[in-house]
């Protein structure tokens, strides 16, 4: 029982429900129960308060609602790292930031090279630019001491910067027509949240209540609703005079959200968005520029972009190779950056409306992420770390 509890609380354990949900989605999509899952996801759920409410299919409640909770947790982690963690030390952050930027630009360019003749397909340029922090970190955790701690921190910091860039990309490039009234109400909510922060309101509940109103306003505004979670996280105060960091409201909220995100939000998203009907697969799908662009972007673009940007910074003398790390290990982690599962699928839902494109995205993301995971694991599994000196 103790070993099971330790596994579930580890980086590897938190990725297992996500993996299980993705596998279950594939099984259901290719079974007689396929219609049942479709019916459930199409079921409309309505929330009404005095005649004002929302009515959406369950699929959109998951993608717009539950994923806002995921982005809230991502925002909390980013803010904590910027103010107190790895991102607060410029000397240590330069290398992973360079790797993250290279790992965003090169996959986007590769994808665009395959799809530039098709304006609709080109809209998915950001899909292969994302790294799945849960799967990537879990893969390194499965290798134990074979991967130096400094290399794990490099990947973790890179993935956090990658998530921050993905948030900016979604806000700038995947926003629909805007509602001025809803944006004004959302801005008012942000002012209230900042006011709470300035007044040093310590209880989390007032922030969450205003955050729900903010989510509704952002949802109605045309900006993707999940960004409300990030805004709420950035408005929450981090530093409180407390002898025990774990007693701070900000940290308590992060700890409270983590199991729900790991065991409910991300598995629900994977179950709703990972189903791929194998009977519909054909040579045209495999050869489609969207499929080829995503697979090539994740598998080749990520490793080329991350490794070349990081290596270039080291060769210029602006950064150092992490302690105890060989060049081949840095390359192996760069390959792992091509695991783009959750965020890539999510950006795919924003980029394309048609079921045909969604199927291509699922096929490509699953293929590219699997190739990156297997290749990265193989490189890191059979390479020894450099001497500590």
Protein backbone atom coordinates (compact mmCIF):
# COMPACT_ATOMS: atom_id res chain seq x y z
CA UNK A 1 0.00 0.00 0.00
CA UNK A 2 2.85 2.42 0.83
CA UNK A 3 4.49 1.72 -2.53
CA UNK A 4 1.20 2.33 -4.34
CA UNK A 5 0.69 5.64 -2.50
CA UNK A 6 4.26 6.70 -3.31
CA UNK A 7 3.70 5.85 -7.00
CA UNK A 8 0.44 7.81 -7.20
CA UNK A 9 2.09 10.85 -5.61
CA UNK A 10 5.12 10.74 -7.94
CA UNK A 11 5.54 12.44 -11.32
CA UNK A 12 5.10 9.04 -12.98
CA UNK A 13 1.94 8.27 -11.01
CA UNK A 14 0.20 11.52 -11.93
CA UNK A 15 0.69 10.77 -15.65
CA UNK A 16 -0.81 7.26 -15.44
CA UNK A 17 -4.50 8.38 -15.33
CA UNK A 18 -3.92 10.57 -18.39
CA UNK A 19 -2.33 7.66 -20.26
CA UNK A 20 -5.10 5.28 -19.16
CA UNK A 21 -7.80 7.71 -20.34
CA UNK A 22 -6.12 8.11 -23.74
CA UNK A 23 -5.92 4.32 -24.18
CA UNK A 24 -9.56 3.96 -23.06
CA UNK A 25 -10.63 6.60 -25.59
CA UNK A 26 -8.93 4.63 -28.37
CA UNK A 27 -10.56 1.37 -27.21
CA UNK A 28 -14.05 2.90 -27.02
CA UNK A 29 -13.67 4.65 -30.41
CA UNK A 30 -13.03 1.25 -31.99
CA UNK A 31 -15.71 -0.71 -30.14
CA UNK A 32 -19.51 -1.05 -30.29
CA UNK A 33 -19.69 1.48 -27.41
CA UNK A 34 -18.50 4.31 -29.62
CA UNK A 35 -22.03 5.68 -30.03
CA UNK A 36 -22.52 5.79 -26.26
CA UNK A 37 -19.48 8.02 -25.67
CA UNK A 38 -20.59 10.31 -28.51
CA UNK A 39 -24.07 10.55 -27.00
CA UNK A 40 -22.65 11.41 -23.59
CA UNK A 41 -20.32 14.08 -24.98
CA UNK A 42 -23.18 15.60 -27.00
CA UNK A 43 -25.48 15.78 -23.99
CA UNK A 44 -26.37 19.38 -23.20
CA UNK A 45 -25.86 20.59 -19.66
CA UNK A 46 -27.48 23.84 -18.55
CA UNK A 47 -26.58 26.08 -15.63
CA UNK A 48 -29.14 28.83 -14.99
CA UNK A 49 -29.24 31.63 -12.42
CA UNK A 50 -32.36 33.79 -12.60
CA UNK A 51 -32.72 33.44 -16.35
CA UNK A 52 -29.03 34.02 -17.02
CA UNK A 53 -27.12 30.86 -17.75
CA UNK A 54 -25.09 28.64 -20.05
CA UNK A 55 -26.19 25.64 -22.08
CA UNK A 56 -23.43 23.64 -23.74
CA UNK A 57 -22.65 20.04 -24.72
CA UNK A 58 -20.60 18.11 -22.18
CA UNK A 59 -17.63 18.16 -24.58
CA UNK A 60 -17.48 21.96 -24.41
CA UNK A 61 -17.93 21.96 -20.63
CA UNK A 62 -14.80 19.79 -20.51
CA UNK A 63 -12.77 21.77 -23.06
CA UNK A 64 -13.87 25.24 -21.89
CA UNK A 65 -14.67 24.60 -18.23
CA UNK A 66 -12.53 21.82 -16.77
CA UNK A 67 -9.54 22.89 -18.83
CA UNK A 68 -9.82 26.36 -17.26
CA UNK A 69 -9.03 24.62 -13.96
CA UNK A 70 -5.98 23.03 -15.61
CA UNK A 71 -4.82 26.44 -16.84
CA UNK A 72 -5.41 27.86 -13.35
CA UNK A 73 -2.98 25.27 -11.99
CA UNK A 74 -0.51 25.98 -14.82
CA UNK A 75 -0.73 29.69 -14.02
CA UNK A 76 -0.12 29.05 -10.33
CA UNK A 77 2.97 26.98 -11.13
CA UNK A 78 4.33 29.56 -13.56
CA UNK A 79 3.87 32.43 -11.10
CA UNK A 80 5.49 30.50 -8.25
CA UNK A 81 8.46 29.56 -10.43
CA UNK A 82 8.88 33.16 -11.63
CA UNK A 83 8.77 34.65 -8.12
CA UNK A 84 10.40 31.94 -6.02
CA UNK A 85 11.56 29.03 -8.16
CA UNK A 86 13.81 28.19 -11.09
CA UNK A 87 12.56 31.05 -13.26
CA UNK A 88 13.57 33.60 -10.59
CA UNK A 89 17.30 33.00 -11.19
CA UNK A 90 18.45 34.49 -14.52
CA UNK A 91 21.71 32.56 -14.52
CA UNK A 92 19.85 29.22 -14.49
CA UNK A 93 16.89 30.14 -16.65
CA UNK A 94 18.70 31.23 -19.84
CA UNK A 95 19.40 27.70 -21.13
CA UNK A 96 15.86 26.24 -20.80
CA UNK A 97 14.30 29.49 -22.07
CA UNK A 98 16.48 29.33 -25.19
CA UNK A 99 15.58 25.65 -25.63
CA UNK A 100 11.87 26.40 -25.22
CA UNK A 101 11.93 29.21 -27.79
CA UNK A 102 13.81 27.04 -30.27
CA UNK A 103 11.37 24.20 -29.57
CA UNK A 104 8.46 26.50 -30.41
CA UNK A 105 9.84 28.18 -33.53
CA UNK A 106 11.32 25.21 -35.43
CA UNK A 107 8.23 22.90 -35.20
CA UNK A 108 6.01 25.80 -36.28
CA UNK A 109 8.25 26.44 -39.30
CA UNK A 110 8.33 22.75 -40.24
CA UNK A 111 4.54 22.47 -40.01
CA UNK A 112 4.10 25.64 -42.04
CA UNK A 113 6.43 24.30 -44.73
CA UNK A 114 4.07 21.35 -45.27
CA UNK A 115 0.80 23.31 -45.11
CA UNK A 116 1.54 26.79 -46.48
CA UNK A 117 -0.57 26.21 -49.62
CA UNK A 118 -3.71 25.52 -47.53
CA UNK A 119 -4.86 28.49 -45.38
CA UNK A 120 -7.17 26.28 -43.30
CA UNK A 121 -4.46 23.72 -42.55
CA UNK A 122 -1.94 26.47 -41.87
CA UNK A 123 -4.13 27.65 -38.97
CA UNK A 124 -2.81 24.70 -36.96
CA UNK A 125 0.82 25.91 -37.03
CA UNK A 126 1.09 25.98 -33.22
CA UNK A 127 -0.04 22.37 -32.67
CA UNK A 128 3.46 20.76 -32.77
CA UNK A 129 5.02 23.59 -30.73
CA UNK A 130 3.69 22.38 -27.36
CA UNK A 131 5.28 20.02 -24.81
CA UNK A 132 3.16 17.92 -22.44
CA UNK A 133 4.70 18.63 -19.04
CA UNK A 134 3.02 15.65 -17.32
CA UNK A 135 4.18 12.98 -19.77
CA UNK A 136 7.64 14.46 -20.36
CA UNK A 137 8.51 14.80 -16.67
CA UNK A 138 6.98 11.37 -15.93
CA UNK A 139 9.18 9.79 -18.60
CA UNK A 140 12.30 11.19 -16.94
CA UNK A 141 11.02 10.10 -13.51
CA UNK A 142 10.67 6.52 -14.81
CA UNK A 143 14.41 6.48 -15.50
CA UNK A 144 15.28 7.28 -11.89
CA UNK A 145 18.92 8.10 -11.20
CA UNK A 146 19.95 7.55 -14.80
CA UNK A 147 18.82 11.13 -15.42
CA UNK A 148 20.68 13.78 -13.34
CA UNK A 149 18.53 16.13 -11.28
CA UNK A 150 19.94 19.10 -13.17
CA UNK A 151 18.60 17.65 -16.42
CA UNK A 152 15.15 17.09 -14.89
CA UNK A 153 15.11 20.72 -13.77
CA UNK A 154 16.12 21.77 -17.29
CA UNK A 155 13.13 19.92 -18.79
CA UNK A 156 10.72 21.12 -16.08
CA UNK A 157 11.73 24.76 -16.58
CA UNK A 158 11.61 24.37 -20.36
CA UNK A 159 8.10 22.88 -20.15
CA UNK A 160 6.90 25.72 -17.91
CA UNK A 161 8.23 28.34 -20.36
CA UNK A 162 6.63 26.32 -23.15
CA UNK A 163 3.26 26.42 -21.35
CA UNK A 164 3.56 30.18 -20.85
CA UNK A 165 4.28 30.62 -24.57
CA UNK A 166 1.30 28.39 -25.43
CA UNK A 167 -0.95 30.60 -23.28
CA UNK A 168 0.24 33.70 -25.16
CA UNK A 169 -0.22 31.97 -28.53
CA UNK A 170 -3.78 30.95 -27.65
CA UNK A 171 -4.62 34.48 -26.50
CA UNK A 172 -3.17 36.16 -29.60
CA UNK A 173 -3.82 33.74 -32.46
CA UNK A 174 -6.83 31.63 -31.44
CA UNK A 175 -9.33 34.27 -30.42
CA UNK A 176 -12.70 34.61 -32.17
CA UNK A 177 -14.76 37.76 -32.73
CA UNK A 178 -14.72 39.89 -29.60
CA UNK A 179 -17.64 41.19 -27.55
CA UNK A 180 -16.87 44.66 -26.18
CA UNK A 181 -19.38 44.38 -23.32
CA UNK A 182 -18.10 40.99 -22.16
CA UNK A 183 -14.48 42.18 -22.36
CA UNK A 184 -15.38 45.26 -20.29
CA UNK A 185 -17.01 43.07 -17.63
CA UNK A 186 -13.97 40.75 -17.66
CA UNK A 187 -11.70 43.78 -17.18
CA UNK A 188 -13.86 44.86 -14.24
CA UNK A 189 -13.42 41.41 -12.68
CA UNK A 190 -9.65 41.70 -13.10
CA UNK A 191 -9.69 45.10 -11.37
CA UNK A 192 -11.60 43.55 -8.46
CA UNK A 193 -9.07 40.69 -8.24
CA UNK A 194 -6.16 43.14 -8.24
CA UNK A 195 -7.96 45.13 -5.56
CA UNK A 196 -8.20 42.00 -3.41
CA UNK A 197 -4.47 41.49 -3.92
CA UNK A 198 -3.59 45.06 -2.96
CA UNK A 199 -5.84 44.83 0.10
CA UNK A 200 -4.00 41.57 1.00
CA UNK A 201 -7.17 39.51 1.16
CA UNK A 202 -5.93 36.17 2.45
CA UNK A 203 -8.94 33.92 1.88
CA UNK A 204 -9.01 32.17 -1.49
CA UNK A 205 -12.82 31.96 -1.75
CA UNK A 206 -13.38 35.64 -2.78
CA UNK A 207 -10.85 35.21 -5.59
CA UNK A 208 -12.52 32.01 -6.77
CA UNK A 209 -16.01 33.56 -6.76
CA UNK A 210 -14.85 36.50 -8.86
CA UNK A 211 -12.86 34.04 -10.97
CA UNK A 212 -16.05 32.16 -11.89
CA UNK A 213 -17.67 35.41 -13.03
CA UNK A 214 -14.49 36.22 -14.95
CA UNK A 215 -14.65 32.81 -16.66
CA UNK A 216 -18.23 33.44 -17.82
CA UNK A 217 -17.31 36.91 -19.12
CA UNK A 218 -14.26 35.61 -21.00
CA UNK A 219 -16.34 32.74 -22.40
CA UNK A 220 -18.87 35.24 -23.77
CA UNK A 221 -16.18 37.65 -25.00
CA UNK A 222 -14.71 35.50 -27.79
CA UNK A 223 -11.36 35.01 -26.03
CA UNK A 224 -10.93 31.36 -25.10
CA UNK A 225 -12.42 30.76 -21.66
CA UNK A 226 -9.45 28.76 -20.34
CA UNK A 227 -7.37 31.95 -20.24
CA UNK A 228 -9.55 33.11 -17.34
CA UNK A 229 -7.82 30.46 -15.24
CA UNK A 230 -4.41 31.93 -16.05
CA UNK A 231 -5.54 35.48 -15.27
CA UNK A 232 -6.99 34.34 -11.94
CA UNK A 233 -3.72 32.58 -11.05
CA UNK A 234 -1.66 35.68 -11.83
CA UNK A 235 -3.97 37.83 -9.68
CA UNK A 236 -3.75 35.59 -6.63
CA UNK A 237 -1.20 36.86 -4.05
CA UNK A 238 1.80 34.61 -3.53
CA UNK A 239 3.78 36.03 -0.61
CA UNK A 240 2.31 36.07 2.88
CA UNK A 241 4.17 36.44 6.20
CA UNK A 242 4.02 32.82 7.32
CA UNK A 243 6.73 30.63 8.86
CA UNK A 244 5.45 27.61 6.95
CA UNK A 245 5.23 28.05 3.13
CA UNK A 246 2.69 25.20 2.83
CA UNK A 247 0.26 27.19 4.98
CA UNK A 248 0.05 30.05 2.51
CA UNK A 249 -3.33 30.18 0.71
CA UNK A 250 -1.65 30.25 -2.73
CA UNK A 251 0.34 27.09 -2.05
CA UNK A 252 -2.64 25.37 -0.41
CA UNK A 253 -4.75 26.05 -3.50
CA UNK A 254 -2.04 24.65 -5.77
CA UNK A 255 -1.76 21.51 -3.66
CA UNK A 256 -5.55 21.15 -3.52
CA UNK A 257 -5.98 21.46 -7.29
CA UNK A 258 -3.18 19.08 -8.29
CA UNK A 259 -4.98 15.76 -7.60
CA UNK A 260 -8.20 16.98 -9.25
CA UNK A 261 -6.30 18.07 -12.36
CA UNK A 262 -4.24 14.86 -12.48
CA UNK A 263 -7.06 12.40 -11.78
CA UNK A 264 -10.14 14.18 -13.19
CA UNK A 265 -9.52 17.16 -15.49
CA UNK A 266 -6.75 15.80 -17.75
CA UNK A 267 -8.16 12.24 -17.96
CA UNK A 268 -11.60 13.69 -18.85
CA UNK A 269 -10.01 15.82 -21.57
CA UNK A 270 -8.04 12.84 -22.92
CA UNK A 271 -11.14 10.61 -22.91
CA UNK A 272 -13.17 13.24 -24.77
CA UNK A 273 -10.52 14.22 -27.34
CA UNK A 274 -8.22 11.22 -27.95
CA UNK A 275 -10.62 8.82 -29.65
CA UNK A 276 -9.35 7.81 -33.09
CA UNK A 277 -11.34 5.41 -35.29
CA UNK A 278 -8.74 3.06 -36.74
CA UNK A 279 -11.24 1.80 -39.32
CA UNK A 280 -11.27 5.28 -40.87
CA UNK A 281 -7.50 5.45 -41.22
CA UNK A 282 -6.18 5.31 -44.76
CA UNK A 283 -3.14 6.26 -46.81
CA UNK A 284 -4.58 9.71 -47.54
CA UNK A 285 -4.77 10.51 -43.82
CA UNK A 286 -1.18 9.43 -43.28
CA UNK A 287 0.03 11.49 -46.24
CA UNK A 288 -2.06 14.55 -45.44
CA UNK A 289 0.07 17.71 -44.92
CA UNK A 290 -1.55 18.29 -41.52
CA UNK A 291 -0.54 14.81 -40.32
CA UNK A 292 2.96 14.97 -41.78
CA UNK A 293 3.50 18.52 -40.52
CA UNK A 294 2.50 17.70 -36.93
CA UNK A 295 4.49 14.45 -36.76
CA UNK A 296 7.57 16.04 -38.31
CA UNK A 297 7.19 19.11 -36.10
CA UNK A 298 6.92 17.11 -32.88
CA UNK A 299 9.53 14.46 -33.62
CA UNK A 300 12.10 16.37 -35.67
CA UNK A 301 11.26 20.01 -35.01
CA UNK A 302 11.23 19.79 -31.24
CA UNK A 303 14.56 17.97 -30.90
CA UNK A 304 16.25 20.18 -33.49
CA UNK A 305 14.86 23.41 -32.04
CA UNK A 306 15.52 22.64 -28.36
CA UNK A 307 18.97 21.09 -28.81
CA UNK A 308 20.31 23.59 -31.35
CA UNK A 309 19.13 26.63 -29.36
CA UNK A 310 20.52 25.29 -26.07
CA UNK A 311 23.79 24.10 -27.65
CA UNK A 312 24.22 27.43 -29.42
CA UNK A 313 23.88 29.32 -26.16
CA UNK A 314 26.45 27.04 -24.52
CA UNK A 315 28.91 27.37 -27.42
CA UNK A 316 28.60 31.16 -27.24
CA UNK A 317 29.59 31.01 -23.58
CA UNK A 318 26.26 32.48 -22.42
CA UNK A 319 25.25 29.32 -20.54
CA UNK A 320 26.74 26.07 -19.25
CA UNK A 321 25.85 22.45 -19.76
CA UNK A 322 23.89 21.33 -16.64
CA UNK A 323 26.04 19.69 -13.96
CA UNK A 324 26.70 15.98 -14.54
CA UNK A 325 25.08 16.04 -17.98
CA UNK A 326 26.58 14.81 -21.25
CA UNK A 327 25.73 16.29 -24.64
CA UNK A 328 23.93 13.10 -25.65
CA UNK A 329 21.71 13.40 -22.57
CA UNK A 330 20.82 16.98 -23.46
CA UNK A 331 19.88 15.67 -26.88
CA UNK A 332 17.76 12.90 -25.33
CA UNK A 333 15.79 15.40 -23.27
CA UNK A 334 15.35 17.53 -26.39
CA UNK A 335 13.74 14.51 -28.07
CA UNK A 336 11.42 14.12 -25.07
CA UNK A 337 10.27 17.68 -25.71
CA UNK A 338 8.35 16.27 -28.68
CA UNK A 339 5.79 14.69 -26.36
CA UNK A 340 3.05 17.19 -27.07
CA UNK A 341 -0.06 15.26 -26.07
CA UNK A 342 -2.39 17.41 -23.93
CA UNK A 343 -1.51 20.92 -25.07
CA UNK A 344 -1.14 19.88 -28.73
CA UNK A 345 -4.58 18.23 -28.74
CA UNK A 346 -6.03 21.29 -27.00
CA UNK A 347 -4.60 23.73 -29.55
CA UNK A 348 -5.92 21.38 -32.25
CA UNK A 349 -9.46 21.80 -30.90
CA UNK A 350 -9.02 25.58 -31.21
CA UNK A 351 -7.40 25.52 -34.65
CA UNK A 352 -9.91 23.28 -36.46
CA UNK A 353 -13.68 22.87 -36.37
CA UNK A 354 -14.16 19.98 -38.80
CA UNK A 355 -14.19 16.37 -37.64
CA UNK A 356 -11.88 15.48 -40.54
CA UNK A 357 -9.14 17.81 -39.30
CA UNK A 358 -9.70 16.72 -35.71
CA UNK A 359 -9.04 13.10 -36.73
CA UNK A 360 -5.84 14.14 -38.49
CA UNK A 361 -4.69 16.04 -35.40
CA UNK A 362 -5.37 13.05 -33.12
CA UNK A 363 -3.52 10.64 -35.41
CA UNK A 364 -0.54 12.97 -35.78
CA UNK A 365 -0.25 14.03 -32.13
CA UNK A 366 -0.48 10.44 -30.88
CA UNK A 367 2.08 9.29 -33.46
CA UNK A 368 4.54 12.14 -32.99
CA UNK A 369 4.32 12.04 -29.19
CA UNK A 370 4.78 8.26 -29.09
CA UNK A 371 7.82 8.40 -31.39
CA UNK A 372 9.36 11.17 -29.27
CA UNK A 373 8.72 9.30 -26.02
CA UNK A 374 10.22 6.02 -27.27
CA UNK A 375 13.25 7.65 -28.88
CA UNK A 376 13.93 9.96 -25.92
CA UNK A 377 13.59 7.10 -23.43
CA UNK A 378 15.97 4.91 -25.46
CA UNK A 379 18.65 7.62 -25.62
CA UNK A 380 18.48 8.41 -21.89
CA UNK A 381 18.12 4.78 -20.80
CA UNK A 382 21.44 3.61 -22.22
CA UNK A 383 23.64 6.64 -21.53
CA UNK A 384 25.54 7.21 -18.31
CA UNK A 385 25.75 10.61 -16.66
CA UNK A 386 28.97 12.60 -16.75
CA UNK A 387 31.18 12.65 -13.63
CA UNK A 388 29.97 15.16 -11.03
CA UNK A 389 33.07 17.30 -11.46
